[in-house]
Full PDB file with SEQRES, HELIX, SHEET, SSBOND, CRYST1, ORIGX, SCALE, CONECT and MASTER records, all heavy atoms in Angstrom:
SEQRES   1 A   33  MET ASN ASN ILE SER LYS LYS PHE TYR LYS LEU LEU LEU          
SEQRES   2 A   33  LEU LEU VAL VAL ILE THR THR SER CYS LYS HIS ASN GLN          
SEQRES   3 A   33  LYS GLU VAL TYR ASP LYS ASN                                  
HELIX    1 AA1 ASN A    3  LYS A   32  1                                  30    
CRYST1    1.000    1.000    1.000  90.00  90.00  90.00 P 1           1          
ORIGX1      1.000000  0.000000  0.000000        0.00000                         
ORIGX2      0.000000  1.000000  0.000000        0.00000                         
ORIGX3      0.000000  0.000000  1.000000        0.00000                         
SCALE1      1.000000  0.000000  0.000000        0.00000                         
SCALE2      0.000000  1.000000  0.000000        0.00000                         
SCALE3      0.000000  0.000000  1.000000        0.00000                         
ATOM      1  N   MET A   1     104.132 103.515  93.778  1.00  0.00           N  
ATOM      2  CA  MET A   1     104.304 102.997  95.094  1.00  0.00           C  
ATOM      3  C   MET A   1     105.671 102.253  95.174  1.00  0.00           C  
ATOM      4  O   MET A   1     105.863 101.326  94.374  1.00  0.00           O  
ATOM      5  CB  MET A   1     103.173 102.027  95.478  1.00  0.00           C  
ATOM      6  CG  MET A   1     103.224 101.483  96.864  1.00  0.00           C  
ATOM      7  SD  MET A   1     101.836 100.338  97.220  1.00  0.00           S  
ATOM      8  CE  MET A   1     100.422 101.461  97.219  1.00  0.00           C  
ATOM      9  N   ASN A   2     106.588 102.601  96.101  1.00  0.00           N  
ATOM     10  CA  ASN A   2     107.862 101.940  96.208  1.00  0.00           C  
ATOM     11  C   ASN A   2     107.704 100.578  96.850  1.00  0.00           C  
ATOM     12  O   ASN A   2     106.628 100.181  97.380  1.00  0.00           O  
ATOM     13  CB  ASN A   2     108.896 102.818  96.910  1.00  0.00           C  
ATOM     14  CG  ASN A   2     108.409 103.195  98.294  1.00  0.00           C  
ATOM     15  OD1 ASN A   2     107.880 102.386  98.970  1.00  0.00           O  
ATOM     16  ND2 ASN A   2     108.731 104.382  98.693  1.00  0.00           N  
ATOM     17  N   ASN A   3     108.825  99.793  96.854  1.00  0.00           N  
ATOM     18  CA  ASN A   3     108.780  98.425  97.432  1.00  0.00           C  
ATOM     19  C   ASN A   3     108.484  98.432  98.892  1.00  0.00           C  
ATOM     20  O   ASN A   3     107.712  97.544  99.345  1.00  0.00           O  
ATOM     21  CB  ASN A   3     110.175  97.782  97.187  1.00  0.00           C  
ATOM     22  CG  ASN A   3     110.403  97.484  95.710  1.00  0.00           C  
ATOM     23  OD1 ASN A   3     109.438  97.345  94.974  1.00  0.00           O  
ATOM     24  ND2 ASN A   3     111.660  97.351  95.318  1.00  0.00           N  
ATOM     25  N   ILE A   4     108.983  99.381  99.633  1.00  0.00           N  
ATOM     26  CA  ILE A   4     108.683  99.444 101.119  1.00  0.00           C  
ATOM     27  C   ILE A   4     107.184  99.693 101.322  1.00  0.00           C  
ATOM     28  O   ILE A   4     106.539  99.090 102.148  1.00  0.00           O  
ATOM     29  CB  ILE A   4     109.507 100.560 101.780  1.00  0.00           C  
ATOM     30  CG1 ILE A   4     111.040 100.150 101.668  1.00  0.00           C  
ATOM     31  CG2 ILE A   4     109.119 100.660 103.186  1.00  0.00           C  
ATOM     32  CD1 ILE A   4     111.902 101.251 102.242  1.00  0.00           C  
ATOM     33  N   SER A   5     106.616 100.634 100.521  1.00  0.00           N  
ATOM     34  CA  SER A   5     105.238 100.895 100.681  1.00  0.00           C  
ATOM     35  C   SER A   5     104.344  99.720 100.279  1.00  0.00           C  
ATOM     36  O   SER A   5     103.342  99.438 100.913  1.00  0.00           O  
ATOM     37  CB  SER A   5     104.853 102.148  99.766  1.00  0.00           C  
ATOM     38  OG  SER A   5     105.545 103.258 100.192  1.00  0.00           O  
ATOM     39  N   LYS A   6     104.794  98.971  99.267  1.00  0.00           N  
ATOM     40  CA  LYS A   6     104.000  97.797  98.797  1.00  0.00           C  
ATOM     41  C   LYS A   6     104.072  96.754  99.892  1.00  0.00           C  
ATOM     42  O   LYS A   6     103.034  96.124 100.213  1.00  0.00           O  
ATOM     43  CB  LYS A   6     104.605  97.226  97.531  1.00  0.00           C  
ATOM     44  CG  LYS A   6     104.361  98.074  96.303  1.00  0.00           C  
ATOM     45  CD  LYS A   6     104.964  97.410  95.004  1.00  0.00           C  
ATOM     46  CE  LYS A   6     104.674  98.256  93.812  1.00  0.00           C  
ATOM     47  NZ  LYS A   6     105.251  97.658  92.627  1.00  0.00           N  
ATOM     48  N   LYS A   7     105.235  96.539 100.514  1.00  0.00           N  
ATOM     49  CA  LYS A   7     105.359  95.516 101.585  1.00  0.00           C  
ATOM     50  C   LYS A   7     104.487  95.919 102.769  1.00  0.00           C  
ATOM     51  O   LYS A   7     103.803  95.085 103.391  1.00  0.00           O  
ATOM     52  CB  LYS A   7     106.806  95.401 101.986  1.00  0.00           C  
ATOM     53  CG  LYS A   7     107.657  94.658 100.995  1.00  0.00           C  
ATOM     54  CD  LYS A   7     109.120  94.559 101.451  1.00  0.00           C  
ATOM     55  CE  LYS A   7     109.940  93.842 100.389  1.00  0.00           C  
ATOM     56  NZ  LYS A   7     111.362  93.699 100.873  1.00  0.00           N  
ATOM     57  N   PHE A   8     104.521  97.216 103.085  1.00  0.00           N  
ATOM     58  CA  PHE A   8     103.700  97.705 104.249  1.00  0.00           C  
ATOM     59  C   PHE A   8     102.157  97.475 103.931  1.00  0.00           C  
ATOM     60  O   PHE A   8     101.379  97.121 104.811  1.00  0.00           O  
ATOM     61  CB  PHE A   8     104.015  99.201 104.499  1.00  0.00           C  
ATOM     62  CG  PHE A   8     103.157  99.772 105.640  1.00  0.00           C  
ATOM     63  CD1 PHE A   8     103.477  99.472 106.946  1.00  0.00           C  
ATOM     64  CD2 PHE A   8     102.063 100.568 105.339  1.00  0.00           C  
ATOM     65  CE1 PHE A   8     102.693 100.024 107.939  1.00  0.00           C  
ATOM     66  CE2 PHE A   8     101.307 101.129 106.324  1.00  0.00           C  
ATOM     67  CZ  PHE A   8     101.614 100.864 107.631  1.00  0.00           C  
ATOM     68  N   TYR A   9     101.779  97.780 102.713  1.00  0.00           N  
ATOM     69  CA  TYR A   9     100.372  97.662 102.315  1.00  0.00           C  
ATOM     70  C   TYR A   9      99.925  96.203 102.398  1.00  0.00           C  
ATOM     71  O   TYR A   9      98.827  95.945 102.858  1.00  0.00           O  
ATOM     72  CB  TYR A   9     100.226  98.192 100.856  1.00  0.00           C  
ATOM     73  CG  TYR A   9      98.833  98.027 100.331  1.00  0.00           C  
ATOM     74  CD1 TYR A   9      97.806  98.858 100.768  1.00  0.00           C  
ATOM     75  CD2 TYR A   9      98.519  97.003  99.450  1.00  0.00           C  
ATOM     76  CE1 TYR A   9      96.472  98.707 100.295  1.00  0.00           C  
ATOM     77  CE2 TYR A   9      97.206  96.817  99.001  1.00  0.00           C  
ATOM     78  CZ  TYR A   9      96.226  97.713  99.383  1.00  0.00           C  
ATOM     79  OH  TYR A   9      94.952  97.527  98.911  1.00  0.00           O  
ATOM     80  N   LYS A  10     100.835  95.259 101.931  1.00  0.00           N  
ATOM     81  CA  LYS A  10     100.479  93.855 101.987  1.00  0.00           C  
ATOM     82  C   LYS A  10     100.331  93.403 103.432  1.00  0.00           C  
ATOM     83  O   LYS A  10      99.458  92.636 103.745  1.00  0.00           O  
ATOM     84  CB  LYS A  10     101.544  93.028 101.245  1.00  0.00           C  
ATOM     85  CG  LYS A  10     101.498  93.238  99.724  1.00  0.00           C  
ATOM     86  CD  LYS A  10     102.551  92.362  99.043  1.00  0.00           C  
ATOM     87  CE  LYS A  10     102.521  92.512  97.548  1.00  0.00           C  
ATOM     88  NZ  LYS A  10     103.564  91.723  96.892  1.00  0.00           N  
ATOM     89  N   LEU A  11     101.254  93.873 104.235  1.00  0.00           N  
ATOM     90  CA  LEU A  11     101.225  93.489 105.679  1.00  0.00           C  
ATOM     91  C   LEU A  11      99.990  94.027 106.360  1.00  0.00           C  
ATOM     92  O   LEU A  11      99.293  93.260 107.092  1.00  0.00           O  
ATOM     93  CB  LEU A  11     102.435  94.055 106.402  1.00  0.00           C  
ATOM     94  CG  LEU A  11     102.551  93.765 107.914  1.00  0.00           C  
ATOM     95  CD1 LEU A  11     102.597  92.241 108.192  1.00  0.00           C  
ATOM     96  CD2 LEU A  11     103.801  94.417 108.484  1.00  0.00           C  
ATOM     97  N   LEU A  12      99.606  95.253 106.070  1.00  0.00           N  
ATOM     98  CA  LEU A  12      98.315  95.836 106.604  1.00  0.00           C  
ATOM     99  C   LEU A  12      97.119  95.050 106.160  1.00  0.00           C  
ATOM    100  O   LEU A  12      96.210  94.757 106.905  1.00  0.00           O  
ATOM    101  CB  LEU A  12      98.232  97.248 106.225  1.00  0.00           C  
ATOM    102  CG  LEU A  12      97.042  98.115 106.731  1.00  0.00           C  
ATOM    103  CD1 LEU A  12      97.092  98.106 108.291  1.00  0.00           C  
ATOM    104  CD2 LEU A  12      97.035  99.489 106.182  1.00  0.00           C  
ATOM    105  N   LEU A  13      97.128  94.678 104.850  1.00  0.00           N  
ATOM    106  CA  LEU A  13      95.958  93.903 104.281  1.00  0.00           C  
ATOM    107  C   LEU A  13      95.877  92.572 104.974  1.00  0.00           C  
ATOM    108  O   LEU A  13      94.777  92.108 105.291  1.00  0.00           O  
ATOM    109  CB  LEU A  13      96.182  93.772 102.809  1.00  0.00           C  
ATOM    110  CG  LEU A  13      95.099  93.073 102.042  1.00  0.00           C  
ATOM    111  CD1 LEU A  13      93.720  93.807 102.193  1.00  0.00           C  
ATOM    112  CD2 LEU A  13      95.456  92.851 100.574  1.00  0.00           C  
ATOM    113  N   LEU A  14      97.034  91.917 105.236  1.00  0.00           N  
ATOM    114  CA  LEU A  14      97.086  90.620 105.929  1.00  0.00           C  
ATOM    115  C   LEU A  14      96.516  90.750 107.333  1.00  0.00           C  
ATOM    116  O   LEU A  14      95.714  89.868 107.754  1.00  0.00           O  
ATOM    117  CB  LEU A  14      98.493  90.055 105.956  1.00  0.00           C  
ATOM    118  CG  LEU A  14      98.655  88.718 106.600  1.00  0.00           C  
ATOM    119  CD1 LEU A  14      97.847  87.607 105.915  1.00  0.00           C  
ATOM    120  CD2 LEU A  14     100.173  88.319 106.653  1.00  0.00           C  
ATOM    121  N   LEU A  15      96.851  91.801 108.011  1.00  0.00           N  
ATOM    122  CA  LEU A  15      96.323  92.001 109.376  1.00  0.00           C  
ATOM    123  C   LEU A  15      94.867  92.164 109.421  1.00  0.00           C  
ATOM    124  O   LEU A  15      94.111  91.696 110.272  1.00  0.00           O  
ATOM    125  CB  LEU A  15      97.031  93.227 110.034  1.00  0.00           C  
ATOM    126  CG  LEU A  15      98.545  92.994 110.432  1.00  0.00           C  
ATOM    127  CD1 LEU A  15      99.095  94.371 110.892  1.00  0.00           C  
ATOM    128  CD2 LEU A  15      98.637  92.012 111.532  1.00  0.00           C  
ATOM    129  N   VAL A  16      94.328  92.896 108.414  1.00  0.00           N  
ATOM    130  CA  VAL A  16      92.858  93.112 108.299  1.00  0.00           C  
ATOM    131  C   VAL A  16      92.151  91.810 108.098  1.00  0.00           C  
ATOM    132  O   VAL A  16      91.122  91.523 108.701  1.00  0.00           O  
ATOM    133  CB  VAL A  16      92.572  94.098 107.199  1.00  0.00           C  
ATOM    134  CG1 VAL A  16      91.068  94.129 106.911  1.00  0.00           C  
ATOM    135  CG2 VAL A  16      93.089  95.488 107.558  1.00  0.00           C  
ATOM    136  N   VAL A  17      92.704  90.962 107.192  1.00  0.00           N  
ATOM    137  CA  VAL A  17      92.129  89.655 106.885  1.00  0.00           C  
ATOM    138  C   VAL A  17      92.109  88.838 108.132  1.00  0.00           C  
ATOM    139  O   VAL A  17      91.093  88.149 108.472  1.00  0.00           O  
ATOM    140  CB  VAL A  17      92.840  88.964 105.738  1.00  0.00           C  
ATOM    141  CG1 VAL A  17      92.381  87.512 105.598  1.00  0.00           C  
ATOM    142  CG2 VAL A  17      92.625  89.708 104.458  1.00  0.00           C  
ATOM    143  N   ILE A  18      93.221  88.762 108.891  1.00  0.00           N  
ATOM    144  CA  ILE A  18      93.302  87.905 110.071  1.00  0.00           C  
ATOM    145  C   ILE A  18      92.328  88.349 111.107  1.00  0.00           C  
ATOM    146  O   ILE A  18      91.633  87.597 111.774  1.00  0.00           O  
ATOM    147  CB  ILE A  18      94.814  87.961 110.637  1.00  0.00           C  
ATOM    148  CG1 ILE A  18      95.706  87.181 109.671  1.00  0.00           C  
ATOM    149  CG2 ILE A  18      94.826  87.319 112.022  1.00  0.00           C  
ATOM    150  CD1 ILE A  18      97.180  87.328 110.050  1.00  0.00           C  
ATOM    151  N   THR A  19      92.302  89.763 111.332  1.00  0.00           N  
ATOM    152  CA  THR A  19      91.400  90.311 112.310  1.00  0.00           C  
ATOM    153  C   THR A  19      89.976  89.965 111.999  1.00  0.00           C  
ATOM    154  O   THR A  19      89.154  89.566 112.863  1.00  0.00           O  
ATOM    155  CB  THR A  19      91.601  91.822 112.443  1.00  0.00           C  
ATOM    156  OG1 THR A  19      92.921  92.083 112.771  1.00  0.00           O  
ATOM    157  CG2 THR A  19      90.633  92.386 113.475  1.00  0.00           C  
ATOM    158  N   THR A  20      89.564  90.141 110.691  1.00  0.00           N  
ATOM    159  CA  THR A  20      88.181  89.852 110.289  1.00  0.00           C  
ATOM    160  C   THR A  20      87.860  88.407 110.478  1.00  0.00           C  
ATOM    161  O   THR A  20      86.758  88.101 110.947  1.00  0.00           O  
ATOM    162  CB  THR A  20      88.018  90.245 108.791  1.00  0.00           C  
ATOM    163  OG1 THR A  20      88.361  91.614 108.640  1.00  0.00           O  
ATOM    164  CG2 THR A  20      86.566  90.025 108.341  1.00  0.00           C  
ATOM    165  N   SER A  21      88.789  87.511 110.175  1.00  0.00           N  
ATOM    166  CA  SER A  21      88.627  86.063 110.321  1.00  0.00           C  
ATOM    167  C   SER A  21      88.406  85.706 111.779  1.00  0.00           C  
ATOM    168  O   SER A  21      87.516  84.973 112.123  1.00  0.00           O  
ATOM    169  CB  SER A  21      89.802  85.318 109.775  1.00  0.00           C  
ATOM    170  OG  SER A  21      89.672  83.960 109.973  1.00  0.00           O  
ATOM    171  N   CYS A  22      89.168  86.271 112.689  1.00  0.00           N  
ATOM    172  CA  CYS A  22      89.064  86.058 114.105  1.00  0.00           C  
ATOM    173  C   CYS A  22      87.693  86.462 114.664  1.00  0.00           C  
ATOM    174  O   CYS A  22      87.062  85.677 115.370  1.00  0.00           O  
ATOM    175  CB  CYS A  22      90.168  86.730 114.929  1.00  0.00           C  
ATOM    176  SG  CYS A  22      91.754  86.036 114.680  1.00  0.00           S  
ATOM    177  N   LYS A  23      87.255  87.642 114.219  1.00  0.00           N  
ATOM    178  CA  LYS A  23      85.928  88.167 114.667  1.00  0.00           C  
ATOM    179  C   LYS A  23      84.825  87.218 114.142  1.00  0.00           C  
ATOM    180  O   LYS A  23      83.875  86.887 114.829  1.00  0.00           O  
ATOM    181  CB  LYS A  23      85.731  89.536 114.179  1.00  0.00           C  
ATOM    182  CG  LYS A  23      86.591  90.610 114.902  1.00  0.00           C  
ATOM    183  CD  LYS A  23      86.279  91.957 114.320  1.00  0.00           C  
ATOM    184  CE  LYS A  23      87.077  93.030 115.086  1.00  0.00           C  
ATOM    185  NZ  LYS A  23      86.799  94.407 114.548  1.00  0.00           N  
ATOM    186  N   HIS A  24      85.008  86.732 112.890  1.00  0.00           N  
ATOM    187  CA  HIS A  24      83.988  85.862 112.352  1.00  0.00           C  
ATOM    188  C   HIS A  24      83.914  84.556 113.096  1.00  0.00           C  
ATOM    189  O   HIS A  24      82.786  84.092 113.394  1.00  0.00           O  
ATOM    190  CB  HIS A  24      84.324  85.578 110.877  1.00  0.00           C  
ATOM    191  CG  HIS A  24      83.429  84.678 110.207  1.00  0.00           C  
ATOM    192  ND1 HIS A  24      82.039  85.002 109.940  1.00  0.00           N  
ATOM    193  CD2 HIS A  24      83.555  83.407 109.738  1.00  0.00           C  
ATOM    194  CE1 HIS A  24      81.452  83.977 109.365  1.00  0.00           C  
ATOM    195  NE2 HIS A  24      82.331  82.996 109.177  1.00  0.00           N  
ATOM    196  N   ASN A  25      85.059  83.982 113.511  1.00  0.00           N  
ATOM    197  CA  ASN A  25      85.096  82.754 114.304  1.00  0.00           C  
ATOM    198  C   ASN A  25      84.437  82.955 115.652  1.00  0.00           C  
ATOM    199  O   ASN A  25      83.808  82.099 116.102  1.00  0.00           O  
ATOM    200  CB  ASN A  25      86.593  82.268 114.407  1.00  0.00           C  
ATOM    201  CG  ASN A  25      87.065  81.702 113.100  1.00  0.00           C  
ATOM    202  OD1 ASN A  25      86.294  81.388 112.187  1.00  0.00           O  
ATOM    203  ND2 ASN A  25      88.433  81.737 112.945  1.00  0.00           N  
ATOM    204  N   GLN A  26      84.714  84.063 116.266  1.00  0.00           N  
ATOM    205  CA  GLN A  26      84.110  84.368 117.548  1.00  0.00           C  
ATOM    206  C   GLN A  26      82.601  84.379 117.448  1.00  0.00           C  
ATOM    207  O   GLN A  26      81.880  83.796 118.317  1.00  0.00           O  
ATOM    208  CB  GLN A  26      84.642  85.651 118.131  1.00  0.00           C  
ATOM    209  CG  GLN A  26      86.093  85.610 118.589  1.00  0.00           C  
ATOM    210  CD  GLN A  26      86.564  86.976 119.024  1.00  0.00           C  
ATOM    211  OE1 GLN A  26      85.946  88.000 118.843  1.00  0.00           O  
ATOM    212  NE2 GLN A  26      87.787  87.020 119.614  1.00  0.00           N  
ATOM    213  N   LYS A  27      82.107  84.989 116.391  1.00  0.00           N  
ATOM    214  CA  LYS A  27      80.633  84.989 116.190  1.00  0.00           C  
ATOM    215  C   LYS A  27      80.087  83.601 116.012  1.00  0.00           C  
ATOM    216  O   LYS A  27      79.060  83.272 116.496  1.00  0.00           O  
ATOM    217  CB  LYS A  27      80.362  85.922 115.003  1.00  0.00           C  
ATOM    218  CG  LYS A  27      78.898  86.110 114.765  1.00  0.00           C  
ATOM    219  CD  LYS A  27      78.619  87.086 113.624  1.00  0.00           C  
ATOM    220  CE  LYS A  27      77.168  87.437 113.446  1.00  0.00           C  
ATOM    221  NZ  LYS A  27      76.355  86.301 113.224  1.00  0.00           N  
ATOM    222  N   GLU A  28      80.820  82.810 115.249  1.00  0.00           N  
ATOM    223  CA  GLU A  28      80.337  81.399 115.029  1.00  0.00           C  
ATOM    224  C   GLU A  28      80.304  80.656 116.273  1.00  0.00           C  
ATOM    225  O   GLU A  28      79.375  79.878 116.537  1.00  0.00           O  
ATOM    226  CB  GLU A  28      81.255  80.705 114.027  1.00  0.00           C  
ATOM    227  CG  GLU A  28      81.124  81.148 112.584  1.00  0.00           C  
ATOM    228  CD  GLU A  28      81.972  80.392 111.644  1.00  0.00           C  
ATOM    229  OE1 GLU A  28      82.939  79.761 112.091  1.00  0.00           O  
ATOM    230  OE2 GLU A  28      81.686  80.421 110.410  1.00  0.00           O  
ATOM    231  N   VAL A  29      81.313  80.815 117.147  1.00  0.00           N  
ATOM    232  CA  VAL A  29      81.269  80.128 118.481  1.00  0.00           C  
ATOM    233  C   VAL A  29      80.087  80.596 119.267  1.00  0.00           C  
ATOM    234  O   VAL A  29      79.378  79.778 119.860  1.00  0.00           O  
ATOM    235  CB  VAL A  29      82.585  80.364 119.256  1.00  0.00           C  
ATOM    236  CG1 VAL A  29      82.454  79.833 120.665  1.00  0.00           C  
ATOM    237  CG2 VAL A  29      83.760  79.723 118.514  1.00  0.00           C  
ATOM    238  N   TYR A  30      79.816  81.892 119.288  1.00  0.00           N  
ATOM    239  CA  TYR A  30      78.682  82.410 120.033  1.00  0.00           C  
ATOM    240  C   TYR A  30      77.389  81.857 119.425  1.00  0.00           C  
ATOM    241  O   TYR A  30      76.501  81.425 120.219  1.00  0.00           O  
ATOM    242  CB  TYR A  30      78.712  83.960 119.946  1.00  0.00           C  
ATOM    243  CG  TYR A  30      77.542  84.593 120.620  1.00  0.00           C  
ATOM    244  CD1 TYR A  30      77.446  84.791 121.980  1.00  0.00           C  
ATOM    245  CD2 TYR A  30      76.407  85.057 119.889  1.00  0.00           C  
ATOM    246  CE1 TYR A  30      76.375  85.393 122.601  1.00  0.00           C  
ATOM    247  CE2 TYR A  30      75.319  85.648 120.441  1.00  0.00           C  
ATOM    248  CZ  TYR A  30      75.327  85.822 121.841  1.00  0.00           C  
ATOM    249  OH  TYR A  30      74.275  86.391 122.432  1.00  0.00           O  
ATOM    250  N   ASP A  31      77.243  81.929 118.161  1.00  0.00           N  
ATOM    251  CA  ASP A  31      76.044  81.382 117.533  1.00  0.00           C  
ATOM    252  C   ASP A  31      75.873  79.897 117.752  1.00  0.00           C  
ATOM    253  O   ASP A  31      74.717  79.391 117.987  1.00  0.00           O  
ATOM    254  CB  ASP A  31      76.108  81.645 116.030  1.00  0.00           C  
ATOM    255  CG  ASP A  31      75.874  83.083 115.634  1.00  0.00           C  
ATOM    256  OD1 ASP A  31      75.445  83.839 116.532  1.00  0.00           O  
ATOM    257  OD2 ASP A  31      76.135  83.435 114.497  1.00  0.00           O  
ATOM    258  N   LYS A  32      76.968  79.137 117.813  1.00  0.00           N  
ATOM    259  CA  LYS A  32      76.922  77.735 118.058  1.00  0.00           C  
ATOM    260  C   LYS A  32      76.399  77.434 119.392  1.00  0.00           C  
ATOM    261  O   LYS A  32      75.542  76.594 119.635  1.00  0.00           O  
ATOM    262  CB  LYS A  32      78.289  77.094 117.871  1.00  0.00           C  
ATOM    263  CG  LYS A  32      78.350  75.617 118.013  1.00  0.00           C  
ATOM    264  CD  LYS A  32      79.670  74.992 117.837  1.00  0.00           C  
ATOM    265  CE  LYS A  32      79.684  73.501 118.037  1.00  0.00           C  
ATOM    266  NZ  LYS A  32      81.054  72.975 117.845  1.00  0.00           N  
ATOM    267  N   ASN A  33      76.824  78.263 120.434  1.00  0.00           N  
ATOM    268  CA  ASN A  33      76.304  78.104 121.777  1.00  0.00           C  
ATOM    269  C   ASN A  33      74.812  78.365 121.847  1.00  0.00           C  
ATOM    270  O   ASN A  33      74.059  77.669 122.472  1.00  0.00           O  
ATOM    271  CB  ASN A  33      77.064  79.029 122.750  1.00  0.00           C  
ATOM    272  CG  ASN A  33      78.533  78.558 122.972  1.00  0.00           C  
ATOM    273  OD1 ASN A  33      78.838  77.439 122.747  1.00  0.00           O  
ATOM    274  ND2 ASN A  33      79.312  79.527 123.376  1.00  0.00           N  
TER     275      ASN A  33                                                      
MASTER        0    0    0    1    0    0    0    6  274    1    0    3          
END                                                                             
């Protein structure tokens, strides 16, 4: 895997983590209500 591919993979992984975290927080707010 070249450097560009590695950077793209890391960026994609970061987006997945952020998206998952946001969904989890929305669920917590809903559950809290």
